[in-house]
Protein backbone atom coordinates (compact mmCIF):
# COMPACT_ATOMS: atom_id res chain seq x y z
CA MET A 1 0.07 -0.03 -0.05
CA ALA A 2 1.07 3.53 -0.63
CA THR A 3 1.52 6.49 1.70
CA ILE A 4 0.90 10.03 1.16
CA THR A 5 1.71 12.85 3.10
CA VAL A 6 -0.56 15.92 2.98
CA ARG A 7 1.23 19.37 3.88
CA ASN A 8 0.06 22.80 4.55
CA LEU A 9 -3.53 21.70 5.39
CA ASP A 10 -5.22 24.70 7.06
CA ASP A 11 -6.70 24.39 10.38
CA ASP A 12 -10.29 24.84 9.28
CA THR A 13 -10.16 21.69 6.88
CA GLN A 14 -8.28 19.79 9.61
CA ARG A 15 -11.11 20.67 12.11
CA ARG A 16 -13.76 19.69 9.70
CA LEU A 17 -11.91 16.62 8.99
CA LYS A 18 -11.67 15.69 12.79
CA LEU A 19 -15.53 16.45 13.12
CA ARG A 20 -16.44 14.34 10.06
CA ALA A 21 -14.18 11.44 11.44
CA ALA A 22 -15.87 11.50 14.65
CA ALA A 23 -19.31 11.47 13.05
CA ASN A 24 -18.57 8.55 11.19
CA ASN A 25 -16.65 6.85 14.13
CA ARG A 26 -13.47 6.64 12.35
CA SER A 27 -9.78 8.18 12.97
CA MET A 28 -8.88 11.19 10.80
CA GLU A 29 -6.68 9.09 8.76
CA ALA A 30 -9.71 6.53 8.07
CA GLU A 31 -11.86 9.34 7.12
CA ALA A 32 -9.24 10.85 4.68
CA ARG A 33 -8.85 7.28 3.06
CA ALA A 34 -12.64 7.15 2.57
CA ILE A 35 -12.85 10.62 1.06
CA LEU A 36 -10.10 9.87 -1.25
CA SER A 37 -11.49 6.62 -2.16
CA ASP A 38 -14.92 8.03 -3.08
CA ALA A 39 -13.42 10.68 -5.05
CA VAL A 40 -11.67 8.59 -7.35
CA ARG A 41 -14.42 6.04 -7.86
CA VAL A 42 -15.27 5.66 -11.89
CA ASP A 43 -18.91 4.82 -10.87
CA THR A 44 -21.23 7.28 -12.49
CA PHE A 45 -25.04 7.78 -11.98
CA ALA A 46 -25.75 5.61 -14.91
CA SER A 47 -23.50 2.67 -13.65
CA ASP A 48 -25.21 2.90 -10.04
CA TRP A 49 -28.59 3.13 -11.81
CA ILE A 50 -28.00 -0.10 -13.81
CA LEU A 51 -26.53 -1.91 -10.87
CA LEU A 52 -29.73 -0.91 -8.71
CA PHE A 53 -32.17 -2.37 -11.33
CA GLU A 54 -30.01 -5.45 -12.11
CA PRO A 55 -32.15 -7.66 -10.10
CA PHE A 56 -35.19 -6.49 -12.36
CA ARG A 57 -33.28 -7.33 -15.70
CA GLY A 58 -35.66 -9.31 -18.01
CA ASP A 59 -38.84 -8.89 -16.38
CA PHE A 60 -40.23 -5.95 -18.51
CA GLU A 61 -41.11 -6.36 -22.15
CA THR A 62 -40.88 -3.57 -24.46
CA PRO A 63 -43.97 -2.95 -26.62
CA GLU A 64 -43.72 -3.77 -30.29
CA HIS A 65 -43.31 -0.99 -32.46
CA SER A 66 -45.18 -0.09 -35.79
CA THR A 67 -43.46 -0.05 -39.24
CA PRO A 68 -42.27 3.22 -39.87
CA ARG A 69 -43.92 5.48 -42.54
CA GLU A 70 -42.28 6.54 -45.59
CA LEU A 71 -41.44 10.11 -45.81
CA ASP A 72 -41.82 12.00 -48.94
CA LEU A 73 -39.26 14.92 -49.14
CA THR A 74 -40.03 16.04 -52.61
């Protein structure tokens, strides 16, 4: 596992990180890891939506569509 050092973290950010960590019953280091992990996730709203409805896959039938009409562009 890699290690990073964050320098010049302002006091307000450190205070807020400490409060957020306490609210989530984590250390500041564990909270920072969680924040970084969430920030770099490649999941998107669309992929989350697909995963949410995965259990229902195949349960819905799409209606048949009519044949397209010919269009006269002259």
